[in-house]
C-alpha cells in the first residue's frame, strides 16, 4: 500500500494552485430529467451517425464506460433505445423537415401570385 501513497503525493505535486482537476467536473448530484433526456438524445444520435449496433448499449464495457463518465446515469436497454428514443428522434426530424417544406411551399406560392 505504500506505493499508492507515494503515487498520490507525487500526483498532487503536478497540479498548481487554481488548476482544475478532472474530479472537479464529475457529477456528484442526481441527474434531473432534462439532463437524462439530453444524454439519451446524444446517445441516439451517436449510434445512428457512427453506425454502431444498438446491442452495444448492453455490453459490460460500454456500461462501465458510461458509468465512468457519470455514475448517476442509468444505461438504457437496446429495446428502449430503438423502440422509444429512436422513434422520438425520427418524429422530431420529420416535424422539422415538414416545417421547412411548408415554408418553402408558401414561398413558392407567393412567387406564383
PDB file of N, CA and C in Angstrom:
ATOM      1  N   UNK A   1       0.809  -1.196   0.000  1.00  0.00           N
ATOM      2  CA  UNK A   1       0.000   0.000   0.000  1.00  0.00           C
ATOM      3  C   UNK A   1       0.854   1.261   0.000  1.00  0.00           C
ATOM      4  N   UNK A   2       2.121   1.145   0.392  1.00  0.00           N
ATOM      5  CA  UNK A   2       2.983   2.325   0.424  1.00  0.00           C
ATOM      6  C   UNK A   2       3.125   2.970  -0.939  1.00  0.00           C
ATOM      7  N   UNK A   3       3.210   2.158  -1.982  1.00  0.00           N
ATOM      8  CA  UNK A   3       3.404   2.715  -3.319  1.00  0.00           C
ATOM      9  C   UNK A   3       2.224   3.577  -3.742  1.00  0.00           C
ATOM     10  N   UNK A   4       1.025   3.260  -3.266  1.00  0.00           N
ATOM     11  CA  UNK A   4      -0.139   4.080  -3.600  1.00  0.00           C
ATOM     12  C   UNK A   4      -0.027   5.455  -2.958  1.00  0.00           C
ATOM     13  N   UNK A   5       0.415   5.501  -1.712  1.00  0.00           N
ATOM     14  CA  UNK A   5       0.558   6.782  -1.032  1.00  0.00           C
ATOM     15  C   UNK A   5       1.582   7.665  -1.733  1.00  0.00           C
ATOM     16  N   UNK A   6       2.688   7.035  -2.175  1.00  0.00           N
ATOM     17  CA  UNK A   6       3.723   7.803  -2.870  1.00  0.00           C
ATOM     18  C   UNK A   6       3.198   8.343  -4.198  1.00  0.00           C
ATOM     19  N   UNK A   7       2.444   7.509  -4.922  1.00  0.00           N
ATOM     20  CA  UNK A   7       1.939   7.975  -6.219  1.00  0.00           C
ATOM     21  C   UNK A   7       0.941   9.104  -6.038  1.00  0.00           C
ATOM     22  N   UNK A   8       0.136   9.045  -4.982  1.00  0.00           N
ATOM     23  CA  UNK A   8      -0.817  10.123  -4.735  1.00  0.00           C
ATOM     24  C   UNK A   8      -0.097  11.422  -4.413  1.00  0.00           C
ATOM     25  N   UNK A   9       0.936  11.330  -3.592  1.00  0.00           N
ATOM     26  CA  UNK A   9       1.647  12.558  -3.233  1.00  0.00           C
ATOM     27  C   UNK A   9       2.399  13.125  -4.424  1.00  0.00           C
ATOM     28  N   UNK A  10       2.939  12.265  -5.280  1.00  0.00           N
ATOM     29  CA  UNK A  10       3.653  12.777  -6.450  1.00  0.00           C
ATOM     30  C   UNK A  10       2.683  13.379  -7.452  1.00  0.00           C
ATOM     31  N   UNK A  11       1.467  12.856  -7.532  1.00  0.00           N
ATOM     32  CA  UNK A  11       0.474  13.421  -8.434  1.00  0.00           C
ATOM     33  C   UNK A  11       0.016  14.788  -7.941  1.00  0.00           C
ATOM     34  N   UNK A  12      -0.110  14.928  -6.632  1.00  0.00           N
ATOM     35  CA  UNK A  12      -0.551  16.204  -6.086  1.00  0.00           C
ATOM     36  C   UNK A  12       0.425  17.314  -6.437  1.00  0.00           C
ATOM     37  N   UNK A  13       1.691  16.998  -6.504  1.00  0.00           N
ATOM     38  CA  UNK A  13       2.698  17.993  -6.811  1.00  0.00           C
ATOM     39  C   UNK A  13       2.623  18.483  -8.240  1.00  0.00           C
ATOM     40  N   UNK A  14       1.982  17.747  -9.141  1.00  0.00           N
ATOM     41  CA  UNK A  14       1.902  18.121 -10.539  1.00  0.00           C
ATOM     42  C   UNK A  14       0.881  19.226 -10.790  1.00  0.00           C
ATOM     43  N   UNK A  15      -0.069  19.405  -9.890  1.00  0.00           N
ATOM     44  CA  UNK A  15      -1.103  20.408 -10.067  1.00  0.00           C
ATOM     45  C   UNK A  15      -0.709  21.699  -9.367  1.00  0.00           C
ATOM     46  N   UNK A  16      -0.834  22.782 -10.077  1.00  0.00           N
ATOM     47  CA  UNK A  16      -0.568  24.074  -9.456  1.00  0.00           C
ATOM     48  C   UNK A  16      -1.868  24.591  -8.853  1.00  0.00           C
ATOM     49  N   UNK A  17      -1.744  25.549  -7.955  1.00  0.00           N
ATOM     50  CA  UNK A  17      -2.936  26.121  -7.343  1.00  0.00           C
ATOM     51  C   UNK A  17      -3.800  26.760  -8.416  1.00  0.00           C
ATOM     52  N   UNK A  18      -5.107  26.551  -8.299  1.00  0.00           N
ATOM     53  CA  UNK A  18      -6.030  27.120  -9.263  1.00  0.00           C
ATOM     54  C   UNK A  18      -6.229  26.261 -10.494  1.00  0.00           C
ATOM     55  N   UNK A  19      -5.404  25.234 -10.682  1.00  0.00           N
ATOM     56  CA  UNK A  19      -5.562  24.350 -11.833  1.00  0.00           C
ATOM     57  C   UNK A  19      -6.664  23.346 -11.540  1.00  0.00           C
ATOM     58  N   UNK A  20      -7.524  23.104 -12.520  1.00  0.00           N
ATOM     59  CA  UNK A  20      -8.638  22.182 -12.348  1.00  0.00           C
ATOM     60  C   UNK A  20      -8.163  20.741 -12.355  1.00  0.00           C
ATOM     61  N   UNK A  21      -8.868  19.945 -11.595  1.00  0.00           N
ATOM     62  CA  UNK A  21      -8.642  18.512 -11.544  1.00  0.00           C
ATOM     63  C   UNK A  21      -9.836  17.848 -12.205  1.00  0.00           C
ATOM     64  N   UNK A  22      -9.649  16.698 -12.830  1.00  0.00           N
ATOM     65  CA  UNK A  22     -10.730  16.004 -13.512  1.00  0.00           C
ATOM     66  C   UNK A  22     -11.896  15.726 -12.570  1.00  0.00           C
ATOM     67  N   UNK A  23     -11.616  15.476 -11.306  1.00  0.00           N
ATOM     68  CA  UNK A  23     -12.670  15.190 -10.333  1.00  0.00           C
ATOM     69  C   UNK A  23     -13.599  16.388 -10.117  1.00  0.00           C
ATOM     70  N   UNK A  24     -13.118  17.589 -10.426  1.00  0.00           N
ATOM     71  CA  UNK A  24     -13.939  18.786 -10.259  1.00  0.00           C
ATOM     72  C   UNK A  24     -15.148  18.788 -11.185  1.00  0.00           C
ATOM     73  N   UNK A  25     -15.073  18.040 -12.269  1.00  0.00           N
ATOM     74  CA  UNK A  25     -16.135  18.060 -13.271  1.00  0.00           C
ATOM     75  C   UNK A  25     -17.063  16.856 -13.170  1.00  0.00           C
ATOM     76  N   UNK A  26     -16.809  15.958 -12.271  1.00  0.00           N
ATOM     77  CA  UNK A  26     -17.628  14.763 -12.128  1.00  0.00           C
ATOM     78  C   UNK A  26     -18.933  15.131 -11.439  1.00  0.00           C
ATOM     79  N   UNK A  27     -20.051  14.685 -12.029  1.00  0.00           N
ATOM     80  CA  UNK A  27     -21.360  14.979 -11.453  1.00  0.00           C
ATOM     81  C   UNK A  27     -21.578  14.135 -10.210  1.00  0.00           C
ATOM     82  N   UNK A  28     -21.766  14.797  -9.088  1.00  0.00           N
ATOM     83  CA  UNK A  28     -21.991  14.099  -7.834  1.00  0.00           C
ATOM     84  C   UNK A  28     -23.457  14.107  -7.424  1.00  0.00           C
ATOM     85  N   UNK A  29     -24.258  14.940  -8.064  1.00  0.00           N
ATOM     86  CA  UNK A  29     -25.666  15.030  -7.709  1.00  0.00           C
ATOM     87  C   UNK A  29     -26.503  14.166  -8.642  1.00  0.00           C
ATOM     88  N   UNK A  30     -27.741  13.921  -8.250  1.00  0.00           N
ATOM     89  CA  UNK A  30     -28.670  13.158  -9.076  1.00  0.00           C
ATOM     90  C   UNK A  30     -28.894  13.888 -10.388  1.00  0.00           C
ATOM     91  N   UNK A  31     -29.047  13.129 -11.451  1.00  0.00           N
ATOM     92  CA  UNK A  31     -29.336  13.735 -12.744  1.00  0.00           C
ATOM     93  C   UNK A  31     -30.820  14.067 -12.822  1.00  0.00           C
ATOM     94  N   UNK A  32     -31.132  15.265 -13.291  1.00  0.00           N
ATOM     95  CA  UNK A  32     -32.545  15.598 -13.467  1.00  0.00           C
ATOM     96  C   UNK A  32     -33.046  15.043 -14.796  1.00  0.00           C
ATOM     97  N   UNK A  33     -34.346  15.112 -14.989  1.00  0.00           N
ATOM     98  CA  UNK A  33     -34.976  14.510 -16.166  1.00  0.00           C
ATOM     99  C   UNK A  33     -34.474  15.162 -17.463  1.00  0.00           C
ATOM    100  N   UNK A  34     -34.310  16.485 -17.444  1.00  0.00           N
ATOM    101  CA  UNK A  34     -33.839  17.191 -18.633  1.00  0.00           C
ATOM    102  C   UNK A  34     -32.437  16.744 -19.030  1.00  0.00           C
ATOM    103  N   UNK A  35     -31.585  16.584 -18.044  1.00  0.00           N
ATOM    104  CA  UNK A  35     -30.202  16.147 -18.324  1.00  0.00           C
ATOM    105  C   UNK A  35     -30.200  14.742 -18.903  1.00  0.00           C
ATOM    106  N   UNK A  36     -31.005  13.833 -18.342  1.00  0.00           N
ATOM    107  CA  UNK A  36     -31.096  12.466 -18.868  1.00  0.00           C
ATOM    108  C   UNK A  36     -31.622  12.470 -20.296  1.00  0.00           C
ATOM    109  N   UNK A  37     -32.586  13.327 -20.566  1.00  0.00           N
ATOM    110  CA  UNK A  37     -33.133  13.425 -21.923  1.00  0.00           C
ATOM    111  C   UNK A  37     -32.062  13.882 -22.896  1.00  0.00           C
ATOM    112  N   UNK A  38     -31.271  14.878 -22.509  1.00  0.00           N
ATOM    113  CA  UNK A  38     -30.182  15.351 -23.383  1.00  0.00           C
ATOM    114  C   UNK A  38     -29.142  14.264 -23.616  1.00  0.00           C
ATOM    115  N   UNK A  39     -28.807  13.530 -22.567  1.00  0.00           N
ATOM    116  CA  UNK A  39     -27.840  12.439 -22.713  1.00  0.00           C
ATOM    117  C   UNK A  39     -28.399  11.368 -23.636  1.00  0.00           C
ATOM    118  N   UNK A  40     -29.661  11.005 -23.444  1.00  0.00           N
ATOM    119  CA  UNK A  40     -30.281   9.974 -24.278  1.00  0.00           C
ATOM    120  C   UNK A  40     -30.333  10.389 -25.740  1.00  0.00           C
ATOM    121  N   UNK A  41     -30.678  11.644 -25.993  1.00  0.00           N
ATOM    122  CA  UNK A  41     -30.726  12.130 -27.379  1.00  0.00           C
ATOM    123  C   UNK A  41     -29.338  12.101 -28.011  1.00  0.00           C
ATOM    124  N   UNK A  42     -28.338  12.519 -27.261  1.00  0.00           N
ATOM    125  CA  UNK A  42     -26.962  12.493 -27.775  1.00  0.00           C
ATOM    126  C   UNK A  42     -26.531  11.055 -28.055  1.00  0.00           C
ATOM    127  N   UNK A  43     -26.937  10.144 -27.198  1.00  0.00           N
ATOM    128  CA  UNK A  43     -26.592   8.737 -27.372  1.00  0.00           C
ATOM    129  C   UNK A  43     -27.224   8.170 -28.645  1.00  0.00           C
ATOM    130  N   UNK A  44     -28.492   8.478 -28.873  1.00  0.00           N
ATOM    131  CA  UNK A  44     -29.166   8.004 -30.088  1.00  0.00           C
ATOM    132  C   UNK A  44     -28.475   8.551 -31.321  1.00  0.00           C
ATOM    133  N   UNK A  45     -28.189   9.855 -31.326  1.00  0.00           N
ATOM    134  CA  UNK A  45     -27.521  10.472 -32.471  1.00  0.00           C
ATOM    135  C   UNK A  45     -26.149   9.845 -32.707  1.00  0.00           C
ATOM    136  N   UNK A  46     -25.430   9.572 -31.618  1.00  0.00           N
ATOM    137  CA  UNK A  46     -24.119   8.946 -31.722  1.00  0.00           C
ATOM    138  C   UNK A  46     -24.221   7.571 -32.398  1.00  0.00           C
ATOM    139  N   UNK A  47     -25.157   6.755 -31.945  1.00  0.00           N
ATOM    140  CA  UNK A  47     -25.309   5.417 -32.511  1.00  0.00           C
ATOM    141  C   UNK A  47     -25.693   5.474 -33.988  1.00  0.00           C
ATOM    142  N   UNK A  48     -26.588   6.386 -34.344  1.00  0.00           N
ATOM    143  CA  UNK A  48     -27.024   6.496 -35.740  1.00  0.00           C
ATOM    144  C   UNK A  48     -25.901   7.035 -36.617  1.00  0.00           C
ATOM    145  N   UNK A  49     -25.312   8.150 -36.217  1.00  0.00           N
ATOM    146  CA  UNK A  49     -24.299   8.806 -37.043  1.00  0.00           C
ATOM    147  C   UNK A  49     -23.056   7.940 -37.235  1.00  0.00           C
ATOM    148  N   UNK A  50     -22.692   7.182 -36.217  1.00  0.00           N
ATOM    149  CA  UNK A  50     -21.483   6.349 -36.292  1.00  0.00           C
ATOM    150  C   UNK A  50     -21.776   4.917 -36.719  1.00  0.00           C
ATOM    151  N   UNK A  51     -23.054   4.644 -36.988  1.00  0.00           N
ATOM    152  CA  UNK A  51     -23.470   3.303 -37.434  1.00  0.00           C
ATOM    153  C   UNK A  51     -23.021   2.209 -36.474  1.00  0.00           C
ATOM    154  N   UNK A  52     -23.267   2.447 -35.211  1.00  0.00           N
ATOM    155  CA  UNK A  52     -22.905   1.483 -34.171  1.00  0.00           C
ATOM    156  C   UNK A  52     -24.134   0.655 -33.841  1.00  0.00           C
ATOM    157  N   UNK A  53     -23.946  -0.647 -33.714  1.00  0.00           N
ATOM    158  CA  UNK A  53     -25.053  -1.552 -33.399  1.00  0.00           C
ATOM    159  C   UNK A  53     -25.642  -1.208 -32.031  1.00  0.00           C
ATOM    160  N   UNK A  54     -26.960  -1.216 -31.956  1.00  0.00           N
ATOM    161  CA  UNK A  54     -27.645  -0.864 -30.719  1.00  0.00           C
ATOM    162  C   UNK A  54     -27.383  -1.847 -29.587  1.00  0.00           C
ATOM    163  N   UNK A  55     -27.004  -3.067 -29.923  1.00  0.00           N
ATOM    164  CA  UNK A  55     -26.746  -4.068 -28.876  1.00  0.00           C
ATOM    165  C   UNK A  55     -25.554  -3.683 -27.996  1.00  0.00           C
ATOM    166  N   UNK A  56     -24.724  -2.766 -28.471  1.00  0.00           N
ATOM    167  CA  UNK A  56     -23.544  -2.323 -27.720  1.00  0.00           C
ATOM    168  C   UNK A  56     -23.938  -1.703 -26.378  1.00  0.00           C
ATOM    169  N   UNK A  57     -25.125  -1.087 -26.294  1.00  0.00           N
ATOM    170  CA  UNK A  57     -25.517  -0.416 -25.050  1.00  0.00           C
ATOM    171  C   UNK A  57     -25.621  -1.381 -23.875  1.00  0.00           C
ATOM    172  N   UNK A  58     -25.751  -2.667 -24.166  1.00  0.00           N
ATOM    173  CA  UNK A  58     -25.854  -3.653 -23.090  1.00  0.00           C
ATOM    174  C   UNK A  58     -24.532  -4.366 -22.818  1.00  0.00           C
ATOM    175  N   UNK A  59     -23.495  -3.994 -23.534  1.00  0.00           N
ATOM    176  CA  UNK A  59     -22.183  -4.622 -23.334  1.00  0.00           C
ATOM    177  C   UNK A  59     -21.571  -4.088 -22.036  1.00  0.00           C
ATOM    178  N   UNK A  60     -21.017  -4.966 -21.211  1.00  0.00           N
ATOM    179  CA  UNK A  60     -20.446  -4.531 -19.924  1.00  0.00           C
ATOM    180  C   UNK A  60     -19.377  -3.444 -20.054  1.00  0.00           C
ATOM    181  N   UNK A  61     -18.562  -3.482 -21.094  1.00  0.00           N
ATOM    182  CA  UNK A  61     -17.538  -2.455 -21.268  1.00  0.00           C
ATOM    183  C   UNK A  61     -18.169  -1.096 -21.567  1.00  0.00           C
ATOM    184  N   UNK A  62     -19.220  -1.087 -22.374  1.00  0.00           N
ATOM    185  CA  UNK A  62     -19.899   0.169 -22.679  1.00  0.00           C
ATOM    186  C   UNK A  62     -20.571   0.724 -21.423  1.00  0.00           C
ATOM    187  N   UNK A  63     -21.222  -0.142 -20.673  1.00  0.00           N
ATOM    188  CA  UNK A  63     -21.880   0.275 -19.428  1.00  0.00           C
ATOM    189  C   UNK A  63     -20.843   0.852 -18.467  1.00  0.00           C
ATOM    190  N   UNK A  64     -19.702   0.201 -18.354  1.00  0.00           N
ATOM    191  CA  UNK A  64     -18.629   0.698 -17.491  1.00  0.00           C
ATOM    192  C   UNK A  64     -18.132   2.062 -17.973  1.00  0.00           C
ATOM    193  N   UNK A  65     -17.988   2.217 -19.270  1.00  0.00           N
ATOM    194  CA  UNK A  65     -17.564   3.494 -19.843  1.00  0.00           C
ATOM    195  C   UNK A  65     -18.545   4.610 -19.478  1.00  0.00           C
ATOM    196  N   UNK A  66     -19.826   4.354 -19.650  1.00  0.00           N
ATOM    197  CA  UNK A  66     -20.850   5.346 -19.335  1.00  0.00           C
ATOM    198  C   UNK A  66     -20.832   5.683 -17.844  1.00  0.00           C
ATOM    199  N   UNK A  67     -20.690   4.670 -17.000  1.00  0.00           N
ATOM    200  CA  UNK A  67     -20.660   4.900 -15.556  1.00  0.00           C
ATOM    201  C   UNK A  67     -19.437   5.722 -15.156  1.00  0.00           C
ATOM    202  N   UNK A  68     -18.330   5.562 -15.867  1.00  0.00           N
ATOM    203  CA  UNK A  68     -17.150   6.375 -15.589  1.00  0.00           C
ATOM    204  C   UNK A  68     -17.396   7.833 -15.951  1.00  0.00           C
ATOM    205  N   UNK A  69     -18.163   8.066 -16.998  1.00  0.00           N
ATOM    206  CA  UNK A  69     -18.477   9.440 -17.383  1.00  0.00           C
ATOM    207  C   UNK A  69     -19.415  10.099 -16.386  1.00  0.00           C
ATOM    208  N   UNK A  70     -20.429   9.343 -15.967  1.00  0.00           N
ATOM    209  CA  UNK A  70     -21.369   9.859 -14.975  1.00  0.00           C
ATOM    210  C   UNK A  70     -22.015   8.674 -14.273  1.00  0.00           C
ATOM    211  N   UNK A  71     -21.639   8.466 -13.040  1.00  0.00           N
ATOM    212  CA  UNK A  71     -22.111   7.306 -12.282  1.00  0.00           C
ATOM    213  C   UNK A  71     -23.606   7.360 -12.022  1.00  0.00           C
ATOM    214  N   UNK A  72     -24.205   8.527 -12.092  1.00  0.00           N
ATOM    215  CA  UNK A  72     -25.640   8.677 -11.815  1.00  0.00           C
ATOM    216  C   UNK A  72     -26.519   8.330 -13.013  1.00  0.00           C
ATOM    217  N   UNK A  73     -25.931   8.219 -14.205  1.00  0.00           N
ATOM    218  CA  UNK A  73     -26.715   7.921 -15.407  1.00  0.00           C
ATOM    219  C   UNK A  73     -26.988   6.427 -15.490  1.00  0.00           C
ATOM    220  N   UNK A  74     -28.244   6.078 -15.679  1.00  0.00           N
ATOM    221  CA  UNK A  74     -28.620   4.673 -15.841  1.00  0.00           C
ATOM    222  C   UNK A  74     -28.645   4.337 -17.318  1.00  0.00           C
ATOM    223  N   UNK A  75     -27.855   3.361 -17.708  1.00  0.00           N
ATOM    224  CA  UNK A  75     -27.783   2.988 -19.120  1.00  0.00           C
ATOM    225  C   UNK A  75     -29.114   2.391 -19.571  1.00  0.00           C
ATOM    226  N   UNK A  76     -29.345   2.480 -20.851  1.00  0.00           N
ATOM    227  CA  UNK A  76     -30.586   2.025 -21.452  1.00  0.00           C
ATOM    228  C   UNK A  76     -30.449   0.608 -21.989  1.00  0.00           C
ATOM    229  N   UNK A  77     -31.572  -0.036 -22.216  1.00  0.00           N
ATOM    230  CA  UNK A  77     -31.556  -1.304 -22.943  1.00  0.00           C
ATOM    231  C   UNK A  77     -31.657  -0.958 -24.425  1.00  0.00           C
ATOM    232  N   UNK A  78     -31.280  -1.884 -25.268  1.00  0.00           N
ATOM    233  CA  UNK A  78     -31.369  -1.593 -26.703  1.00  0.00           C
ATOM    234  C   UNK A  78     -32.824  -1.444 -27.142  1.00  0.00           C
ATOM    235  N   UNK A  79     -33.747  -2.134 -26.458  1.00  0.00           N
ATOM    236  CA  UNK A  79     -35.160  -2.009 -26.804  1.00  0.00           C
ATOM    237  C   UNK A  79     -35.648  -0.580 -26.558  1.00  0.00           C
ATOM    238  N   UNK A  80     -35.277   0.003 -25.428  1.00  0.00           N
ATOM    239  CA  UNK A  80     -35.671   1.386 -25.134  1.00  0.00           C
ATOM    240  C   UNK A  80     -35.005   2.321 -26.130  1.00  0.00           C
ATOM    241  N   UNK A  81     -33.747   2.082 -26.419  1.00  0.00           N
ATOM    242  CA  UNK A  81     -33.005   2.933 -27.349  1.00  0.00           C
ATOM    243  C   UNK A  81     -33.662   2.941 -28.727  1.00  0.00           C
ATOM    244  N   UNK A  82     -34.003   1.762 -29.224  1.00  0.00           N
ATOM    245  CA  UNK A  82     -34.561   1.657 -30.569  1.00  0.00           C
ATOM    246  C   UNK A  82     -36.049   1.984 -30.593  1.00  0.00           C
ATOM    247  N   UNK A  83     -36.815   1.376 -29.711  1.00  0.00           N
ATOM    248  CA  UNK A  83     -38.275   1.490 -29.786  1.00  0.00           C
ATOM    249  C   UNK A  83     -38.815   2.817 -29.287  1.00  0.00           C
ATOM    250  N   UNK A  84     -38.139   3.464 -28.361  1.00  0.00           N
ATOM    251  CA  UNK A  84     -38.663   4.717 -27.829  1.00  0.00           C
ATOM    252  C   UNK A  84     -37.854   5.927 -28.280  1.00  0.00           C
ATOM    253  N   UNK A  85     -36.567   5.913 -27.996  1.00  0.00           N
ATOM    254  CA  UNK A  85     -35.759   7.110 -28.256  1.00  0.00           C
ATOM    255  C   UNK A  85     -35.535   7.354 -29.746  1.00  0.00           C
ATOM    256  N   UNK A  86     -35.258   6.300 -30.484  1.00  0.00           N
ATOM    257  CA  UNK A  86     -35.061   6.452 -31.923  1.00  0.00           C
ATOM    258  C   UNK A  86     -36.355   6.932 -32.581  1.00  0.00           C
ATOM    259  N   UNK A  87     -37.474   6.360 -32.177  1.00  0.00           N
ATOM    260  CA  UNK A  87     -38.764   6.796 -32.713  1.00  0.00           C
ATOM    261  C   UNK A  87     -39.021   8.270 -32.406  1.00  0.00           C
ATOM    262  N   UNK A  88     -38.704   8.686 -31.187  1.00  0.00           N
ATOM    263  CA  UNK A  88     -38.891  10.081 -30.787  1.00  0.00           C
ATOM    264  C   UNK A  88     -38.025  11.013 -31.640  1.00  0.00           C
ATOM    265  N   UNK A  89     -36.788  10.604 -31.876  1.00  0.00           N
ATOM    266  CA  UNK A  89     -35.898  11.421 -32.707  1.00  0.00           C
ATOM    267  C   UNK A  89     -36.418  11.504 -34.136  1.00  0.00           C
ATOM    268  N   UNK A  90     -36.921  10.398 -34.658  1.00  0.00           N
ATOM    269  CA  UNK A  90     -37.466  10.401 -36.022  1.00  0.00           C
ATOM    270  C   UNK A  90     -38.669  11.333 -36.137  1.00  0.00           C
ATOM    271  N   UNK A  91     -39.521  11.321 -35.133  1.00  0.00           N
ATOM    272  CA  UNK A  91     -40.682  12.215 -35.132  1.00  0.00           C
ATOM    273  C   UNK A  91     -40.213  13.669 -35.153  1.00  0.00           C
ATOM    274  N   UNK A  92     -39.211  14.006 -34.340  1.00  0.00           N
ATOM    275  CA  UNK A  92     -38.719  15.381 -34.298  1.00  0.00           C
ATOM    276  C   UNK A  92     -38.076  15.788 -35.621  1.00  0.00           C
ATOM    277  N   UNK A  93     -37.309  14.892 -36.219  1.00  0.00           N
ATOM    278  CA  UNK A  93     -36.675  15.192 -37.506  1.00  0.00           C
ATOM    279  C   UNK A  93     -37.741  15.373 -38.581  1.00  0.00           C
ATOM    280  N   UNK A  94     -38.722  14.477 -38.611  1.00  0.00           N
ATOM    281  CA  UNK A  94     -39.795  14.593 -39.597  1.00  0.00           C
ATOM    282  C   UNK A  94     -40.576  15.893 -39.424  1.00  0.00           C
ATOM    283  N   UNK A  95     -40.821  16.295 -38.179  1.00  0.00           N
ATOM    284  CA  UNK A  95     -41.525  17.545 -37.922  1.00  0.00           C
ATOM    285  C   UNK A  95     -40.729  18.730 -38.470  1.00  0.00           C
ATOM    286  N   UNK A  96     -39.419  18.735 -38.223  1.00  0.00           N
ATOM    287  CA  UNK A  96     -38.577  19.830 -38.714  1.00  0.00           C
ATOM    288  C   UNK A  96     -38.546  19.865 -40.239  1.00  0.00           C
ATOM    289  N   UNK A  97     -38.445  18.700 -40.853  1.00  0.00           N
ATOM    290  CA  UNK A  97     -38.427  18.631 -42.322  1.00  0.00           C
ATOM    291  C   UNK A  97     -39.742  19.143 -42.887  1.00  0.00           C
ATOM    292  N   UNK A  98     -40.853  18.691 -42.311  1.00  0.00           N
ATOM    293  CA  UNK A  98     -42.163  19.149 -42.790  1.00  0.00           C
ATOM    294  C   UNK A  98     -42.335  20.647 -42.605  1.00  0.00           C
ATOM    295  N   UNK A  99     -41.862  21.187 -41.489  1.00  0.00           N
ATOM    296  CA  UNK A  99     -41.944  22.632 -41.250  1.00  0.00           C
ATOM    297  C   UNK A  99     -41.163  23.410 -42.305  1.00  0.00           C
ATOM    298  N   UNK A 100     -39.971  22.923 -42.611  1.00  0.00           N
ATOM    299  CA  UNK A 100     -39.149  23.586 -43.625  1.00  0.00           C
ATOM    300  C   UNK A 100     -39.803  23.497 -44.995  1.00  0.00           C
ATOM    301  N   UNK A 101     -40.384  22.342 -45.311  1.00  0.00           N
ATOM    302  CA  UNK A 101     -41.060  22.185 -46.603  1.00  0.00           C
ATOM    303  C   UNK A 101     -42.261  23.106 -46.713  1.00  0.00           C
ATOM    304  N   UNK A 102     -43.007  23.272 -45.627  1.00  0.00           N
ATOM    305  CA  UNK A 102     -44.156  24.186 -45.637  1.00  0.00           C
ATOM    306  C   UNK A 102     -43.697  25.610 -45.893  1.00  0.00           C
ATOM    307  N   UNK A 103     -42.595  26.018 -45.285  1.00  0.00           N
ATOM    308  CA  UNK A 103     -42.074  27.365 -45.507  1.00  0.00           C
ATOM    309  C   UNK A 103     -41.705  27.562 -46.973  1.00  0.00           C
ATOM    310  N   UNK A 104     -41.061  26.548 -47.540  1.00  0.00           N
ATOM    311  CA  UNK A 104     -40.638  26.633 -48.943  1.00  0.00           C
ATOM    312  C   UNK A 104     -41.845  26.650 -49.861  1.00  0.00           C
ATOM    313  N   UNK A 105     -42.865  25.836 -49.547  1.00  0.00           N
ATOM    314  CA  UNK A 105     -44.058  25.792 -50.393  1.00  0.00           C
ATOM    315  C   UNK A 105     -44.796  27.118 -50.324  1.00  0.00           C
ATOM    316  N   UNK A 106     -44.893  27.707 -49.128  1.00  0.00           N
ATOM    317  CA  UNK A 106     -45.536  29.017 -49.001  1.00  0.00           C
ATOM    318  C   UNK A 106     -44.762  30.070 -49.778  1.00  0.00           C
ATOM    319  N   UNK A 107     -43.464  29.982 -49.772  1.00  0.00           N
ATOM    320  CA  UNK A 107     -42.625  30.905 -50.531  1.00  0.00           C
ATOM    321  C   UNK A 107     -42.897  30.752 -52.020  1.00  0.00           C
ATOM    322  N   UNK A 108     -42.982  29.504 -52.489  1.00  0.00           N
ATOM    323  CA  UNK A 108     -43.227  29.253 -53.903  1.00  0.00           C
ATOM    324  C   UNK A 108     -44.621  29.752 -54.307  1.00  0.00           C
ATOM    325  N   UNK A 109     -45.626  29.545 -53.455  1.00  0.00           N
ATOM    326  CA  UNK A 109     -46.964  30.013 -53.754  1.00  0.00           C
ATOM    327  C   UNK A 109     -46.978  31.538 -53.847  1.00  0.00           C
ATOM    328  N   UNK A 110     -46.228  32.199 -52.992  1.00  0.00           N
ATOM    329  CA  UNK A 110     -46.136  33.655 -53.020  1.00  0.00           C
ATOM    330  C   UNK A 110     -45.493  34.157 -54.304  1.00  0.00           C
ATOM    331  N   UNK A 111     -44.520  33.420 -54.821  1.00  0.00           N
ATOM    332  CA  UNK A 111     -43.840  33.810 -56.061  1.00  0.00           C
ATOM    333  C   UNK A 111     -44.750  33.622 -57.273  1.00  0.00           C
ATOM    334  N   UNK A 112     -45.650  32.645 -57.217  1.00  0.00           N
ATOM    335  CA  UNK A 112     -46.546  32.387 -58.361  1.00  0.00           C
ATOM    336  C   UNK A 112     -47.655  33.414 -58.488  1.00  0.00           C
ATOM    337  N   UNK A 113     -48.028  34.066 -57.434  1.00  0.00           N
ATOM    338  CA  UNK A 113     -49.128  35.046 -57.478  1.00  0.00           C
ATOM    339  C   UNK A 113     -48.731  36.294 -58.137  1.00  0.00           C
TER     340      UNK A 113
END
